[in-house]
């Protein structure tokens, strides 16, 4: 049995920038920031603003039911 290294592209990202979140959810920057804030999905590390995709997914599911 041969072991294969996992390709970085095979791993789903847990967090991403606002631009990445916009592409994932089809929203503009202002709307994405508002949704991320409402979902409690904002991670700030210094000046870096990241969005936790799992929290946004749960939030989107909860408001669509």
PDB file of N, CA and C in Angstrom:
ATOM      1  N   UNK A   1       0.850  -1.181   0.000  1.00  0.00           N
ATOM      2  CA  UNK A   1       0.000   0.000   0.000  1.00  0.00           C
ATOM      3  C   UNK A   1       0.891   1.238   0.000  1.00  0.00           C
ATOM      4  N   UNK A   2       0.611   2.133  -0.909  1.00  0.00           N
ATOM      5  CA  UNK A   2       1.395   3.342  -1.028  1.00  0.00           C
ATOM      6  C   UNK A   2       0.662   4.486  -0.337  1.00  0.00           C
ATOM      7  N   UNK A   3       1.384   5.228   0.496  1.00  0.00           N
ATOM      8  CA  UNK A   3       0.793   6.372   1.177  1.00  0.00           C
ATOM      9  C   UNK A   3       0.823   7.579   0.254  1.00  0.00           C
ATOM     10  N   UNK A   4      -0.261   8.306   0.252  1.00  0.00           N
ATOM     11  CA  UNK A   4      -0.332   9.515  -0.572  1.00  0.00           C
ATOM     12  C   UNK A   4      -0.381  10.734   0.323  1.00  0.00           C
ATOM     13  N   UNK A   5       0.339  11.754  -0.062  1.00  0.00           N
ATOM     14  CA  UNK A   5       0.255  13.017   0.656  1.00  0.00           C
ATOM     15  C   UNK A   5      -1.037  13.702   0.261  1.00  0.00           C
ATOM     16  N   UNK A   6      -1.656  14.336   1.197  1.00  0.00           N
ATOM     17  CA  UNK A   6      -2.904  15.040   0.918  1.00  0.00           C
ATOM     18  C   UNK A   6      -2.582  16.376   0.247  1.00  0.00           C
ATOM     19  N   UNK A   7      -3.230  16.622  -0.839  1.00  0.00           N
ATOM     20  CA  UNK A   7      -3.058  17.866  -1.569  1.00  0.00           C
ATOM     21  C   UNK A   7      -3.714  18.993  -0.784  1.00  0.00           C
ATOM     22  N   UNK A   8      -3.064  20.119  -0.701  1.00  0.00           N
ATOM     23  CA  UNK A   8      -3.601  21.268   0.032  1.00  0.00           C
ATOM     24  C   UNK A   8      -4.967  21.659  -0.515  1.00  0.00           C
ATOM     25  N   UNK A   9      -5.179  21.500  -1.801  1.00  0.00           N
ATOM     26  CA  UNK A   9      -6.461  21.872  -2.409  1.00  0.00           C
ATOM     27  C   UNK A   9      -7.589  20.929  -2.009  1.00  0.00           C
ATOM     28  N   UNK A  10      -7.279  19.758  -1.440  1.00  0.00           N
ATOM     29  CA  UNK A  10      -8.293  18.809  -1.010  1.00  0.00           C
ATOM     30  C   UNK A  10      -8.880  19.150   0.358  1.00  0.00           C
ATOM     31  N   UNK A  11      -8.255  20.068   1.078  1.00  0.00           N
ATOM     32  CA  UNK A  11      -8.680  20.416   2.433  1.00  0.00           C
ATOM     33  C   UNK A  11      -9.595  21.621   2.376  1.00  0.00           C
ATOM     34  N   UNK A  12     -10.756  21.508   2.993  1.00  0.00           N
ATOM     35  CA  UNK A  12     -11.684  22.634   3.025  1.00  0.00           C
ATOM     36  C   UNK A  12     -11.209  23.630   4.072  1.00  0.00           C
ATOM     37  N   UNK A  13     -11.174  24.879   3.693  1.00  0.00           N
ATOM     38  CA  UNK A  13     -10.715  25.937   4.586  1.00  0.00           C
ATOM     39  C   UNK A  13     -11.769  26.195   5.664  1.00  0.00           C
ATOM     40  N   UNK A  14     -11.306  26.415   6.881  1.00  0.00           N
ATOM     41  CA  UNK A  14     -12.205  26.708   7.990  1.00  0.00           C
ATOM     42  C   UNK A  14     -12.477  28.207   8.097  1.00  0.00           C
ATOM     43  N   UNK A  15     -11.479  29.000   7.731  1.00  0.00           N
ATOM     44  CA  UNK A  15     -11.618  30.447   7.783  1.00  0.00           C
ATOM     45  C   UNK A  15     -11.073  31.039   6.494  1.00  0.00           C
ATOM     46  N   UNK A  16     -11.417  32.282   6.267  1.00  0.00           N
ATOM     47  CA  UNK A  16     -10.893  32.962   5.089  1.00  0.00           C
ATOM     48  C   UNK A  16     -11.110  34.453   5.199  1.00  0.00           C
ATOM     49  N   UNK A  17     -10.557  35.160   4.252  1.00  0.00           N
ATOM     50  CA  UNK A  17     -10.698  36.608   4.216  1.00  0.00           C
ATOM     51  C   UNK A  17     -12.123  36.984   3.810  1.00  0.00           C
ATOM     52  N   UNK A  18     -12.430  38.251   3.930  1.00  0.00           N
ATOM     53  CA  UNK A  18     -13.752  38.729   3.524  1.00  0.00           C
ATOM     54  C   UNK A  18     -13.964  38.467   2.037  1.00  0.00           C
ATOM     55  N   UNK A  19     -12.926  38.664   1.240  1.00  0.00           N
ATOM     56  CA  UNK A  19     -13.036  38.434  -0.204  1.00  0.00           C
ATOM     57  C   UNK A  19     -13.348  36.969  -0.501  1.00  0.00           C
ATOM     58  N   UNK A  20     -12.693  36.053   0.206  1.00  0.00           N
ATOM     59  CA  UNK A  20     -12.965  34.626   0.021  1.00  0.00           C
ATOM     60  C   UNK A  20     -14.386  34.275   0.458  1.00  0.00           C
ATOM     61  N   UNK A  21     -14.820  34.886   1.558  1.00  0.00           N
ATOM     62  CA  UNK A  21     -16.185  34.656   2.045  1.00  0.00           C
ATOM     63  C   UNK A  21     -17.206  35.200   1.051  1.00  0.00           C
ATOM     64  N   UNK A  22     -16.917  36.349   0.456  1.00  0.00           N
ATOM     65  CA  UNK A  22     -17.817  36.927  -0.550  1.00  0.00           C
ATOM     66  C   UNK A  22     -17.987  35.969  -1.722  1.00  0.00           C
ATOM     67  N   UNK A  23     -16.883  35.401  -2.170  1.00  0.00           N
ATOM     68  CA  UNK A  23     -16.944  34.456  -3.291  1.00  0.00           C
ATOM     69  C   UNK A  23     -17.705  33.194  -2.894  1.00  0.00           C
ATOM     70  N   UNK A  24     -17.516  32.739  -1.673  1.00  0.00           N
ATOM     71  CA  UNK A  24     -18.169  31.506  -1.208  1.00  0.00           C
ATOM     72  C   UNK A  24     -19.679  31.676  -1.092  1.00  0.00           C
ATOM     73  N   UNK A  25     -20.125  32.828  -0.579  1.00  0.00           N
ATOM     74  CA  UNK A  25     -21.544  33.027  -0.297  1.00  0.00           C
ATOM     75  C   UNK A  25     -22.265  33.925  -1.302  1.00  0.00           C
ATOM     76  N   UNK A  26     -21.535  34.509  -2.245  1.00  0.00           N
ATOM     77  CA  UNK A  26     -22.157  35.344  -3.267  1.00  0.00           C
ATOM     78  C   UNK A  26     -22.676  36.667  -2.739  1.00  0.00           C
ATOM     79  N   UNK A  27     -21.973  37.241  -1.781  1.00  0.00           N
ATOM     80  CA  UNK A  27     -22.383  38.520  -1.198  1.00  0.00           C
ATOM     81  C   UNK A  27     -21.309  39.571  -1.440  1.00  0.00           C
ATOM     82  N   UNK A  28     -21.680  40.829  -1.334  1.00  0.00           N
ATOM     83  CA  UNK A  28     -20.717  41.920  -1.388  1.00  0.00           C
ATOM     84  C   UNK A  28     -20.001  42.053  -0.055  1.00  0.00           C
ATOM     85  N   UNK A  29     -18.972  42.890  -0.034  1.00  0.00           N
ATOM     86  CA  UNK A  29     -18.156  43.026   1.184  1.00  0.00           C
ATOM     87  C   UNK A  29     -18.958  43.547   2.379  1.00  0.00           C
ATOM     88  N   UNK A  30     -19.751  44.577   2.163  1.00  0.00           N
ATOM     89  CA  UNK A  30     -20.518  45.150   3.283  1.00  0.00           C
ATOM     90  C   UNK A  30     -21.514  44.140   3.835  1.00  0.00           C
ATOM     91  N   UNK A  31     -22.221  43.453   2.943  1.00  0.00           N
ATOM     92  CA  UNK A  31     -23.191  42.444   3.382  1.00  0.00           C
ATOM     93  C   UNK A  31     -22.494  41.289   4.084  1.00  0.00           C
ATOM     94  N   UNK A  32     -21.343  40.880   3.558  1.00  0.00           N
ATOM     95  CA  UNK A  32     -20.619  39.761   4.162  1.00  0.00           C
ATOM     96  C   UNK A  32     -20.137  40.118   5.560  1.00  0.00           C
ATOM     97  N   UNK A  33     -19.627  41.327   5.723  1.00  0.00           N
ATOM     98  CA  UNK A  33     -19.180  41.758   7.057  1.00  0.00           C
ATOM     99  C   UNK A  33     -20.361  41.776   8.040  1.00  0.00           C
ATOM    100  N   UNK A  34     -21.518  42.241   7.579  1.00  0.00           N
ATOM    101  CA  UNK A  34     -22.705  42.294   8.442  1.00  0.00           C
ATOM    102  C   UNK A  34     -23.150  40.889   8.839  1.00  0.00           C
ATOM    103  N   UNK A  35     -23.186  39.979   7.880  1.00  0.00           N
ATOM    104  CA  UNK A  35     -23.567  38.588   8.164  1.00  0.00           C
ATOM    105  C   UNK A  35     -22.564  37.950   9.122  1.00  0.00           C
ATOM    106  N   UNK A  36     -21.271  38.173   8.886  1.00  0.00           N
ATOM    107  CA  UNK A  36     -20.237  37.604   9.755  1.00  0.00           C
ATOM    108  C   UNK A  36     -20.378  38.123  11.191  1.00  0.00           C
ATOM    109  N   UNK A  37     -20.653  39.407  11.321  1.00  0.00           N
ATOM    110  CA  UNK A  37     -20.853  39.986  12.663  1.00  0.00           C
ATOM    111  C   UNK A  37     -22.077  39.374  13.331  1.00  0.00           C
ATOM    112  N   UNK A  38     -23.188  39.282  12.603  1.00  0.00           N
ATOM    113  CA  UNK A  38     -24.427  38.713  13.153  1.00  0.00           C
ATOM    114  C   UNK A  38     -24.242  37.252  13.551  1.00  0.00           C
ATOM    115  N   UNK A  39     -23.417  36.535  12.790  1.00  0.00           N
ATOM    116  CA  UNK A  39     -23.199  35.111  13.059  1.00  0.00           C
ATOM    117  C   UNK A  39     -22.157  34.883  14.154  1.00  0.00           C
ATOM    118  N   UNK A  40     -21.488  35.936  14.600  1.00  0.00           N
ATOM    119  CA  UNK A  40     -20.413  35.768  15.580  1.00  0.00           C
ATOM    120  C   UNK A  40     -19.237  35.026  14.976  1.00  0.00           C
ATOM    121  N   UNK A  41     -18.996  35.249  13.686  1.00  0.00           N
ATOM    122  CA  UNK A  41     -17.997  34.488  12.947  1.00  0.00           C
ATOM    123  C   UNK A  41     -16.743  35.290  12.624  1.00  0.00           C
ATOM    124  N   UNK A  42     -16.574  36.437  13.250  1.00  0.00           N
ATOM    125  CA  UNK A  42     -15.423  37.290  12.956  1.00  0.00           C
ATOM    126  C   UNK A  42     -14.262  36.901  13.858  1.00  0.00           C
ATOM    127  N   UNK A  43     -13.105  36.750  13.242  1.00  0.00           N
ATOM    128  CA  UNK A  43     -11.869  36.480  13.977  1.00  0.00           C
ATOM    129  C   UNK A  43     -10.907  37.604  13.632  1.00  0.00           C
ATOM    130  N   UNK A  44     -10.492  38.348  14.622  1.00  0.00           N
ATOM    131  CA  UNK A  44      -9.539  39.436  14.393  1.00  0.00           C
ATOM    132  C   UNK A  44      -8.202  39.065  15.026  1.00  0.00           C
ATOM    133  N   UNK A  45      -7.186  39.069  14.192  1.00  0.00           N
ATOM    134  CA  UNK A  45      -5.816  38.816  14.661  1.00  0.00           C
ATOM    135  C   UNK A  45      -4.997  40.002  14.176  1.00  0.00           C
ATOM    136  N   UNK A  46      -4.715  40.907  15.089  1.00  0.00           N
ATOM    137  CA  UNK A  46      -4.057  42.145  14.688  1.00  0.00           C
ATOM    138  C   UNK A  46      -4.972  42.912  13.764  1.00  0.00           C
ATOM    139  N   UNK A  47      -4.465  43.274  12.593  1.00  0.00           N
ATOM    140  CA  UNK A  47      -5.288  43.973  11.603  1.00  0.00           C
ATOM    141  C   UNK A  47      -6.018  43.018  10.680  1.00  0.00           C
ATOM    142  N   UNK A  48      -5.725  41.741  10.801  1.00  0.00           N
ATOM    143  CA  UNK A  48      -6.322  40.718   9.919  1.00  0.00           C
ATOM    144  C   UNK A  48      -7.759  40.435  10.343  1.00  0.00           C
ATOM    145  N   UNK A  49      -8.674  40.410   9.383  1.00  0.00           N
ATOM    146  CA  UNK A  49     -10.101  40.169   9.615  1.00  0.00           C
ATOM    147  C   UNK A  49     -10.450  38.882   8.888  1.00  0.00           C
ATOM    148  N   UNK A  50     -10.733  37.828   9.634  1.00  0.00           N
ATOM    149  CA  UNK A  50     -11.070  36.532   9.055  1.00  0.00           C
ATOM    150  C   UNK A  50     -12.512  36.175   9.374  1.00  0.00           C
ATOM    151  N   UNK A  51     -13.075  35.309   8.542  1.00  0.00           N
ATOM    152  CA  UNK A  51     -14.449  34.854   8.721  1.00  0.00           C
ATOM    153  C   UNK A  51     -14.426  33.342   8.939  1.00  0.00           C
ATOM    154  N   UNK A  52     -15.094  32.890   9.998  1.00  0.00           N
ATOM    155  CA  UNK A  52     -15.219  31.461  10.286  1.00  0.00           C
ATOM    156  C   UNK A  52     -16.377  30.922   9.460  1.00  0.00           C
ATOM    157  N   UNK A  53     -16.044  30.116   8.446  1.00  0.00           N
ATOM    158  CA  UNK A  53     -17.059  29.629   7.511  1.00  0.00           C
ATOM    159  C   UNK A  53     -18.079  28.708   8.181  1.00  0.00           C
ATOM    160  N   UNK A  54     -17.670  27.906   9.139  1.00  0.00           N
ATOM    161  CA  UNK A  54     -18.592  26.977   9.794  1.00  0.00           C
ATOM    162  C   UNK A  54     -19.697  27.747  10.530  1.00  0.00           C
ATOM    163  N   UNK A  55     -19.324  28.834  11.199  1.00  0.00           N
ATOM    164  CA  UNK A  55     -20.326  29.635  11.916  1.00  0.00           C
ATOM    165  C   UNK A  55     -21.270  30.335  10.941  1.00  0.00           C
ATOM    166  N   UNK A  56     -20.734  30.817   9.832  1.00  0.00           N
ATOM    167  CA  UNK A  56     -21.591  31.464   8.843  1.00  0.00           C
ATOM    168  C   UNK A  56     -22.533  30.434   8.222  1.00  0.00           C
ATOM    169  N   UNK A  57     -22.033  29.224   7.957  1.00  0.00           N
ATOM    170  CA  UNK A  57     -22.887  28.158   7.417  1.00  0.00           C
ATOM    171  C   UNK A  57     -24.061  27.877   8.349  1.00  0.00           C
ATOM    172  N   UNK A  58     -23.769  27.733   9.648  1.00  0.00           N
ATOM    173  CA  UNK A  58     -24.832  27.469  10.630  1.00  0.00           C
ATOM    174  C   UNK A  58     -25.822  28.634  10.678  1.00  0.00           C
ATOM    175  N   UNK A  59     -25.306  29.848  10.653  1.00  0.00           N
ATOM    176  CA  UNK A  59     -26.168  31.034  10.693  1.00  0.00           C
ATOM    177  C   UNK A  59     -27.075  31.087   9.465  1.00  0.00           C
ATOM    178  N   UNK A  60     -26.500  30.853   8.299  1.00  0.00           N
ATOM    179  CA  UNK A  60     -27.289  30.880   7.065  1.00  0.00           C
ATOM    180  C   UNK A  60     -28.368  29.810   7.084  1.00  0.00           C
ATOM    181  N   UNK A  61     -28.029  28.616   7.598  1.00  0.00           N
ATOM    182  CA  UNK A  61     -29.041  27.549   7.707  1.00  0.00           C
ATOM    183  C   UNK A  61     -30.157  27.934   8.665  1.00  0.00           C
ATOM    184  N   UNK A  62     -29.800  28.577   9.762  1.00  0.00           N
ATOM    185  CA  UNK A  62     -30.807  28.937  10.761  1.00  0.00           C
ATOM    186  C   UNK A  62     -31.765  30.013  10.258  1.00  0.00           C
ATOM    187  N   UNK A  63     -31.299  30.947   9.445  1.00  0.00           N
ATOM    188  CA  UNK A  63     -32.191  32.006   8.972  1.00  0.00           C
ATOM    189  C   UNK A  63     -32.977  31.571   7.732  1.00  0.00           C
ATOM    190  N   UNK A  64     -32.570  30.471   7.121  1.00  0.00           N
ATOM    191  CA  UNK A  64     -33.290  30.023   5.927  1.00  0.00           C
ATOM    192  C   UNK A  64     -34.387  29.007   6.235  1.00  0.00           C
ATOM    193  N   UNK A  65     -34.477  28.580   7.476  1.00  0.00           N
ATOM    194  CA  UNK A  65     -35.506  27.588   7.846  1.00  0.00           C
ATOM    195  C   UNK A  65     -36.817  28.240   8.184  1.00  0.00           C
TER     196      UNK A  65
END
